[in-house]
Amino acid sequence: MAAVWEVVGGAERGGVLVRTGHDLSSDLADGRLATGSLVKETDARDGRICYELVKGDGPASGWVTPNLRGKELLVKTGAQGEKAPQSRRRGFSQWASTQADEEVAPEPAMPELVPAEMASESSVSTAASTAEEMVASLPENAAAVAEKSLSKDEEDAFRMYTDKFGECRDGSNPGYSRKAFPWFSPKPTEDKKKKLSKEALEAALACKPKEKKLSKDKLWEVDSE
């Protein structure tokens, strides 16, 4: 028995296009096959079917495409004889539900909101862990800097400086700039006061010149001349 198809597409354009042949290069029929019509399949080729009109408006026969770009234009009802009206209603309801699903777009999923307290706690914990890592790495970096030897350029600069100004390791030479060589640390000088004896202090005080009071001129004394 031949299958019965129901036209469910083309409602916005007045029906489905009908061609006189099975290929797309064939001529179009005079009219469209109206939506809701029932047709009987007589032949099928290259994804298109040849039909005979059973019920509805449109050309009595021709070739139509049941499915175009994933959209169903005709639905096979499987009706034969007296079961055609029932299958027609079932096919139309299926098409209506499909159209409703296509019109209702899925709502975008809302991102989960993170409470402010949780966000602040996570940021504080991250900052604390970062600070701990930095503190843990400080001794290693300091030791690496201390163990680093002078480069060739630094040695040449130090040699040229000492040749010009003279080497001074005790820091007594004021011309020696610590800023030029940050690694230079002069030895602490001994306090000279500790070396002075009591006799030297007494001799220094004895040699101290005595201050003489200057006499002031008396303004009331006038020269006779």
C-alpha atoms as a PDB file:
ATOM      1  CA  MET A   1       0.000   0.000   0.000  1.00  0.00           C
ATOM      2  CA  ALA A   2       1.240   3.522  -0.815  1.00  0.00           C
ATOM      3  CA  ALA A   3       2.202   5.831   2.032  1.00  0.00           C
ATOM      4  CA  VAL A   4       0.135   8.913   2.790  1.00  0.00           C
ATOM      5  CA  TRP A   5       1.865  12.221   3.550  1.00  0.00           C
ATOM      6  CA  GLU A   6       0.527  15.329   5.217  1.00  0.00           C
ATOM      7  CA  VAL A   7       1.774  18.794   4.245  1.00  0.00           C
ATOM      8  CA  VAL A   8       2.920  20.603   7.414  1.00  0.00           C
ATOM      9  CA  GLY A   9       5.303  23.226   6.000  1.00  0.00           C
ATOM     10  CA  GLY A  10       4.935  26.358   3.920  1.00  0.00           C
ATOM     11  CA  ALA A  11       2.157  27.865   6.024  1.00  0.00           C
ATOM     12  CA  GLU A  12       3.733  31.335   5.883  1.00  0.00           C
ATOM     13  CA  ARG A  13       4.004  31.158   2.067  1.00  0.00           C
ATOM     14  CA  GLY A  14       0.738  29.521   1.184  1.00  0.00           C
ATOM     15  CA  GLY A  15       2.025  25.986   0.741  1.00  0.00           C
ATOM     16  CA  VAL A  16       4.911  23.895  -0.595  1.00  0.00           C
ATOM     17  CA  LEU A  17       6.525  24.266  -4.018  1.00  0.00           C
ATOM     18  CA  VAL A  18       5.644  21.573  -6.542  1.00  0.00           C
ATOM     19  CA  ARG A  19       7.811  20.651  -9.552  1.00  0.00           C
ATOM     20  CA  THR A  20       6.899  18.743 -12.669  1.00  0.00           C
ATOM     21  CA  GLY A  21       9.995  16.506 -12.475  1.00  0.00           C
ATOM     22  CA  HIS A  22      12.148  14.853  -9.840  1.00  0.00           C
ATOM     23  CA  ASP A  23      15.200  17.094 -10.367  1.00  0.00           C
ATOM     24  CA  LEU A  24      15.506  20.682  -9.191  1.00  0.00           C
ATOM     25  CA  SER A  25      16.013  21.945 -12.725  1.00  0.00           C
ATOM     26  CA  SER A  26      12.491  20.932 -13.743  1.00  0.00           C
ATOM     27  CA  ASP A  27       9.721  23.516 -14.078  1.00  0.00           C
ATOM     28  CA  LEU A  28       7.520  24.612 -11.216  1.00  0.00           C
ATOM     29  CA  ALA A  29       3.853  23.692 -11.175  1.00  0.00           C
ATOM     30  CA  ASP A  30       1.144  26.333 -11.540  1.00  0.00           C
ATOM     31  CA  GLY A  31       0.388  26.475  -7.819  1.00  0.00           C
ATOM     32  CA  ARG A  32       1.581  25.385  -4.400  1.00  0.00           C
ATOM     33  CA  LEU A  33       0.478  22.395  -2.392  1.00  0.00           C
ATOM     34  CA  ALA A  34      -1.531  23.895   0.477  1.00  0.00           C
ATOM     35  CA  THR A  35      -0.602  23.261   4.099  1.00  0.00           C
ATOM     36  CA  GLY A  36      -2.749  20.526   5.655  1.00  0.00           C
ATOM     37  CA  SER A  37      -3.313  18.666   2.378  1.00  0.00           C
ATOM     38  CA  LEU A  38      -2.999  14.883   2.190  1.00  0.00           C
ATOM     39  CA  VAL A  39      -1.102  13.268  -0.683  1.00  0.00           C
ATOM     40  CA  LYS A  40      -0.349   9.678  -1.635  1.00  0.00           C
ATOM     41  CA  GLU A  41       3.218   8.741  -2.530  1.00  0.00           C
ATOM     42  CA  THR A  42       3.554   7.115  -5.941  1.00  0.00           C
ATOM     43  CA  ASP A  43       7.324   7.335  -6.488  1.00  0.00           C
ATOM     44  CA  ALA A  44      10.481   8.512  -4.717  1.00  0.00           C
ATOM     45  CA  ARG A  45      13.850   9.607  -6.102  1.00  0.00           C
ATOM     46  CA  ASP A  46      16.838  11.646  -4.803  1.00  0.00           C
ATOM     47  CA  GLY A  47      15.081  12.555  -1.558  1.00  0.00           C
ATOM     48  CA  ARG A  48      11.906  13.767  -3.314  1.00  0.00           C
ATOM     49  CA  ILE A  49       8.538  12.056  -3.759  1.00  0.00           C
ATOM     50  CA  CYS A  50       5.964  12.005  -6.513  1.00  0.00           C
ATOM     51  CA  TYR A  51       2.442  12.358  -5.177  1.00  0.00           C
ATOM     52  CA  GLU A  52      -1.233  12.258  -6.051  1.00  0.00           C
ATOM     53  CA  LEU A  53      -3.515  14.679  -4.240  1.00  0.00           C
ATOM     54  CA  VAL A  54      -5.915  12.910  -1.858  1.00  0.00           C
ATOM     55  CA  LYS A  55      -7.364  15.848   0.050  1.00  0.00           C
ATOM     56  CA  GLY A  56      -6.691  19.572   0.073  1.00  0.00           C
ATOM     57  CA  ASP A  57      -5.753  22.305  -2.402  1.00  0.00           C
ATOM     58  CA  GLY A  58      -2.946  22.283  -4.946  1.00  0.00           C
ATOM     59  CA  PRO A  59      -1.762  20.532  -8.105  1.00  0.00           C
ATOM     60  CA  ALA A  60      -3.236  17.066  -8.579  1.00  0.00           C
ATOM     61  CA  SER A  61       0.226  15.521  -8.962  1.00  0.00           C
ATOM     62  CA  GLY A  62       3.871  16.493  -8.969  1.00  0.00           C
ATOM     63  CA  TRP A  63       7.173  16.219  -7.118  1.00  0.00           C
ATOM     64  CA  VAL A  64       7.800  17.738  -3.666  1.00  0.00           C
ATOM     65  CA  THR A  65      10.624  17.719  -1.121  1.00  0.00           C
ATOM     66  CA  PRO A  66       9.553  16.286   2.259  1.00  0.00           C
ATOM     67  CA  ASN A  67      12.558  17.678   4.166  1.00  0.00           C
ATOM     68  CA  LEU A  68      14.411  20.891   3.319  1.00  0.00           C
ATOM     69  CA  ARG A  69      17.517  21.900   5.321  1.00  0.00           C
ATOM     70  CA  GLY A  70      16.435  19.910   8.349  1.00  0.00           C
ATOM     71  CA  LYS A  71      12.881  21.301   8.347  1.00  0.00           C
ATOM     72  CA  GLU A  72      10.030  18.898   7.679  1.00  0.00           C
ATOM     73  CA  LEU A  73       7.645  20.061   4.958  1.00  0.00           C
ATOM     74  CA  LEU A  74       5.715  16.790   4.668  1.00  0.00           C
ATOM     75  CA  VAL A  75       5.118  14.214   7.386  1.00  0.00           C
ATOM     76  CA  LYS A  76       4.365  10.591   6.665  1.00  0.00           C
ATOM     77  CA  THR A  77       1.138   9.713   8.428  1.00  0.00           C
ATOM     78  CA  GLY A  78       1.073   6.000   7.598  1.00  0.00           C
ATOM     79  CA  ALA A  79      -2.706   6.273   7.067  1.00  0.00           C
ATOM     80  CA  GLN A  80      -4.481   3.972   4.617  1.00  0.00           C
ATOM     81  CA  GLY A  81      -8.127   4.336   3.644  1.00  0.00           C
ATOM     82  CA  GLU A  82     -10.384   5.262   6.548  1.00  0.00           C
ATOM     83  CA  LYS A  83      -7.443   5.938   8.953  1.00  0.00           C
ATOM     84  CA  ALA A  84      -6.310   9.010   7.009  1.00  0.00           C
ATOM     85  CA  PRO A  85      -8.262  11.663   9.055  1.00  0.00           C
ATOM     86  CA  GLN A  86      -6.894  10.341  12.367  1.00  0.00           C
ATOM     87  CA  SER A  87      -3.338  10.280  11.027  1.00  0.00           C
ATOM     88  CA  ARG A  88      -3.828  13.760   9.644  1.00  0.00           C
ATOM     89  CA  ARG A  89      -4.717  15.086  13.099  1.00  0.00           C
ATOM     90  CA  ARG A  90      -1.737  13.296  14.646  1.00  0.00           C
ATOM     91  CA  GLY A  91       0.620  14.679  11.998  1.00  0.00           C
ATOM     92  CA  PHE A  92      -0.671  18.218  12.449  1.00  0.00           C
ATOM     93  CA  SER A  93      -0.261  18.041  16.239  1.00  0.00           C
ATOM     94  CA  GLN A  94       3.290  16.774  15.781  1.00  0.00           C
ATOM     95  CA  TRP A  95       4.061  19.677  13.452  1.00  0.00           C
ATOM     96  CA  ALA A  96       2.502  22.188  15.896  1.00  0.00           C
ATOM     97  CA  SER A  97       4.600  20.881  18.795  1.00  0.00           C
ATOM     98  CA  THR A  98       7.735  21.079  16.630  1.00  0.00           C
ATOM     99  CA  GLN A  99       6.985  24.691  15.724  1.00  0.00           C
ATOM    100  CA  ALA A 100       6.412  25.571  19.389  1.00  0.00           C
ATOM    101  CA  ASP A 101       9.760  24.050  20.371  1.00  0.00           C
ATOM    102  CA  GLU A 102      11.514  26.058  17.661  1.00  0.00           C
ATOM    103  CA  GLU A 103       9.866  29.348  18.699  1.00  0.00           C
ATOM    104  CA  VAL A 104      10.722  28.988  22.387  1.00  0.00           C
ATOM    105  CA  ALA A 105      14.415  29.750  22.681  1.00  0.00           C
ATOM    106  CA  PRO A 106      16.253  28.291  25.660  1.00  0.00           C
ATOM    107  CA  GLU A 107      17.046  30.854  28.297  1.00  0.00           C
ATOM    108  CA  PRO A 108      20.748  31.362  28.948  1.00  0.00           C
ATOM    109  CA  ALA A 109      21.950  29.753  32.116  1.00  0.00           C
ATOM    110  CA  MET A 110      22.576  32.241  34.887  1.00  0.00           C
ATOM    111  CA  PRO A 111      26.092  32.105  36.320  1.00  0.00           C
ATOM    112  CA  GLU A 112      26.334  31.002  39.896  1.00  0.00           C
ATOM    113  CA  LEU A 113      26.823  34.020  42.136  1.00  0.00           C
ATOM    114  CA  VAL A 114      29.629  33.752  44.658  1.00  0.00           C
ATOM    115  CA  PRO A 115      28.824  35.344  48.033  1.00  0.00           C
ATOM    116  CA  ALA A 116      30.909  38.372  48.946  1.00  0.00           C
ATOM    117  CA  GLU A 117      32.164  36.705  52.132  1.00  0.00           C
ATOM    118  CA  MET A 118      33.441  33.653  50.253  1.00  0.00           C
ATOM    119  CA  ALA A 119      35.108  35.860  47.637  1.00  0.00           C
ATOM    120  CA  SER A 120      36.824  37.982  50.298  1.00  0.00           C
ATOM    121  CA  GLU A 121      38.012  34.896  52.197  1.00  0.00           C
ATOM    122  CA  SER A 122      39.456  33.369  49.039  1.00  0.00           C
ATOM    123  CA  SER A 123      41.250  36.613  48.157  1.00  0.00           C
ATOM    124  CA  VAL A 124      42.676  36.915  51.687  1.00  0.00           C
ATOM    125  CA  SER A 125      43.890  33.313  51.658  1.00  0.00           C
ATOM    126  CA  THR A 126      45.493  33.815  48.256  1.00  0.00           C
ATOM    127  CA  ALA A 127      47.277  36.978  49.425  1.00  0.00           C
ATOM    128  CA  ALA A 128      48.487  35.235  52.589  1.00  0.00           C
ATOM    129  CA  SER A 129      49.881  32.267  50.668  1.00  0.00           C
ATOM    130  CA  THR A 130      51.656  34.624  48.259  1.00  0.00           C
ATOM    131  CA  ALA A 131      53.212  36.561  51.154  1.00  0.00           C
ATOM    132  CA  GLU A 132      54.401  33.333  52.785  1.00  0.00           C
ATOM    133  CA  GLU A 133      56.037  32.220  49.555  1.00  0.00           C
ATOM    134  CA  MET A 134      57.822  35.566  49.215  1.00  0.00           C
ATOM    135  CA  VAL A 135      59.084  35.448  52.810  1.00  0.00           C
ATOM    136  CA  ALA A 136      60.252  31.865  52.375  1.00  0.00           C
ATOM    137  CA  SER A 137      62.203  32.782  49.273  1.00  0.00           C
ATOM    138  CA  LEU A 138      63.949  35.823  50.850  1.00  0.00           C
ATOM    139  CA  PRO A 139      66.702  33.926  52.737  1.00  0.00           C
ATOM    140  CA  GLU A 140      67.579  31.941  49.650  1.00  0.00           C
ATOM    141  CA  ASN A 141      67.892  35.099  47.555  1.00  0.00           C
ATOM    142  CA  ALA A 142      69.964  36.839  50.236  1.00  0.00           C
ATOM    143  CA  ALA A 143      72.327  33.884  50.491  1.00  0.00           C
ATOM    144  CA  ALA A 144      72.667  33.764  46.731  1.00  0.00           C
ATOM    145  CA  VAL A 145      73.575  37.476  46.606  1.00  0.00           C
ATOM    146  CA  ALA A 146      76.112  37.080  49.410  1.00  0.00           C
ATOM    147  CA  GLU A 147      77.792  34.122  47.735  1.00  0.00           C
ATOM    148  CA  LYS A 148      77.935  35.850  44.378  1.00  0.00           C
ATOM    149  CA  SER A 149      81.517  36.713  43.440  1.00  0.00           C
ATOM    150  CA  LEU A 150      82.616  39.941  41.791  1.00  0.00           C
ATOM    151  CA  SER A 151      82.402  40.066  38.041  1.00  0.00           C
ATOM    152  CA  LYS A 152      85.350  40.901  35.829  1.00  0.00           C
ATOM    153  CA  ASP A 153      84.047  44.404  35.155  1.00  0.00           C
ATOM    154  CA  GLU A 154      83.687  45.072  38.876  1.00  0.00           C
ATOM    155  CA  GLU A 155      87.212  43.845  39.567  1.00  0.00           C
ATOM    156  CA  ASP A 156      88.625  46.047  36.785  1.00  0.00           C
ATOM    157  CA  ALA A 157      86.735  49.077  38.092  1.00  0.00           C
ATOM    158  CA  PHE A 158      87.964  48.446  41.625  1.00  0.00           C
ATOM    159  CA  ARG A 159      91.560  48.050  40.439  1.00  0.00           C
ATOM    160  CA  MET A 160      91.419  51.298  38.417  1.00  0.00           C
ATOM    161  CA  TYR A 161      89.953  53.149  41.389  1.00  0.00           C
ATOM    162  CA  THR A 162      92.604  51.911  43.810  1.00  0.00           C
ATOM    163  CA  ASP A 163      95.384  52.758  41.335  1.00  0.00           C
ATOM    164  CA  LYS A 164      94.106  56.324  41.067  1.00  0.00           C
ATOM    165  CA  PHE A 165      93.208  57.113  44.668  1.00  0.00           C
ATOM    166  CA  GLY A 166      95.180  54.502  46.534  1.00  0.00           C
ATOM    167  CA  GLU A 167      93.812  51.499  48.324  1.00  0.00           C
ATOM    168  CA  CYS A 168      92.154  52.297  51.599  1.00  0.00           C
ATOM    169  CA  ARG A 169      90.684  49.451  53.574  1.00  0.00           C
ATOM    170  CA  ASP A 170      90.207  51.216  56.900  1.00  0.00           C
ATOM    171  CA  GLY A 171      87.999  53.992  55.539  1.00  0.00           C
ATOM    172  CA  SER A 172      90.336  56.799  56.656  1.00  0.00           C
ATOM    173  CA  ASN A 173      90.610  58.261  53.155  1.00  0.00           C
ATOM    174  CA  PRO A 174      87.626  60.610  52.661  1.00  0.00           C
ATOM    175  CA  GLY A 175      88.062  60.398  48.884  1.00  0.00           C
ATOM    176  CA  TYR A 176      87.098  56.763  48.927  1.00  0.00           C
ATOM    177  CA  SER A 177      83.399  56.639  48.143  1.00  0.00           C
ATOM    178  CA  ARG A 178      81.392  53.836  49.591  1.00  0.00           C
ATOM    179  CA  LYS A 179      78.642  54.503  47.041  1.00  0.00           C
ATOM    180  CA  ALA A 180      80.988  53.605  44.207  1.00  0.00           C
ATOM    181  CA  PHE A 181      81.563  50.151  45.708  1.00  0.00           C
ATOM    182  CA  PRO A 182      78.615  49.134  47.889  1.00  0.00           C
ATOM    183  CA  TRP A 183      80.286  45.882  48.892  1.00  0.00           C
ATOM    184  CA  PHE A 184      83.159  47.740  50.617  1.00  0.00           C
ATOM    185  CA  SER A 185      82.819  47.749  54.386  1.00  0.00           C
ATOM    186  CA  PRO A 186      85.641  49.622  56.156  1.00  0.00           C
ATOM    187  CA  LYS A 187      86.927  48.371  59.463  1.00  0.00           C
ATOM    188  CA  PRO A 188      85.712  50.317  62.466  1.00  0.00           C
ATOM    189  CA  THR A 189      88.351  52.771  63.679  1.00  0.00           C
ATOM    190  CA  GLU A 190      89.473  52.604  67.276  1.00  0.00           C
ATOM    191  CA  ASP A 191      88.494  55.392  69.589  1.00  0.00           C
ATOM    192  CA  LYS A 192      91.432  57.794  69.888  1.00  0.00           C
ATOM    193  CA  LYS A 193      90.306  58.988  73.308  1.00  0.00           C
ATOM    194  CA  LYS A 194      91.161  55.626  74.793  1.00  0.00           C
ATOM    195  CA  LYS A 195      94.785  55.949  73.668  1.00  0.00           C
ATOM    196  CA  LEU A 196      95.354  59.355  75.316  1.00  0.00           C
ATOM    197  CA  SER A 197      97.096  59.082  78.642  1.00  0.00           C
ATOM    198  CA  LYS A 198      96.646  61.311  81.668  1.00  0.00           C
ATOM    199  CA  GLU A 199     100.023  62.962  81.161  1.00  0.00           C
ATOM    200  CA  ALA A 200      99.153  63.894  77.586  1.00  0.00           C
ATOM    201  CA  LEU A 201      95.923  65.508  78.692  1.00  0.00           C
ATOM    202  CA  GLU A 202      97.682  67.549  81.403  1.00  0.00           C
ATOM    203  CA  ALA A 203     100.304  68.705  78.942  1.00  0.00           C
ATOM    204  CA  ALA A 204      97.649  69.738  76.450  1.00  0.00           C
ATOM    205  CA  LEU A 205      95.808  71.742  79.099  1.00  0.00           C
ATOM    206  CA  ALA A 206      99.017  73.424  80.242  1.00  0.00           C
ATOM    207  CA  CYS A 207      99.815  74.573  76.733  1.00  0.00           C
ATOM    208  CA  LYS A 208      96.376  76.058  76.313  1.00  0.00           C
ATOM    209  CA  PRO A 209      96.754  79.833  75.895  1.00  0.00           C
ATOM    210  CA  LYS A 210      95.132  81.998  78.496  1.00  0.00           C
ATOM    211  CA  GLU A 211      92.554  84.432  77.308  1.00  0.00           C
ATOM    212  CA  LYS A 212      93.298  88.090  78.074  1.00  0.00           C
ATOM    213  CA  LYS A 213      90.551  90.508  78.769  1.00  0.00           C
ATOM    214  CA  LEU A 214      90.524  93.406  76.380  1.00  0.00           C
ATOM    215  CA  SER A 215      90.278  96.815  77.967  1.00  0.00           C
ATOM    216  CA  LYS A 216      87.445  98.975  76.825  1.00  0.00           C
ATOM    217  CA  ASP A 217      87.972 102.618  76.095  1.00  0.00           C
ATOM    218  CA  LYS A 218      86.322 105.004  78.474  1.00  0.00           C
ATOM    219  CA  LEU A 219      84.122 107.295  76.481  1.00  0.00           C
ATOM    220  CA  TRP A 220      84.152 110.044  79.133  1.00  0.00           C
ATOM    221  CA  GLU A 221      87.924 110.499  78.896  1.00  0.00           C
ATOM    222  CA  VAL A 222      88.596 113.193  76.304  1.00  0.00           C
ATOM    223  CA  ASP A 223      91.988 114.023  74.952  1.00  0.00           C
ATOM    224  CA  SER A 224      93.151 117.488  75.936  1.00  0.00           C
ATOM    225  CA  GLU A 225      94.291 118.251  72.484  1.00  0.00           C
END
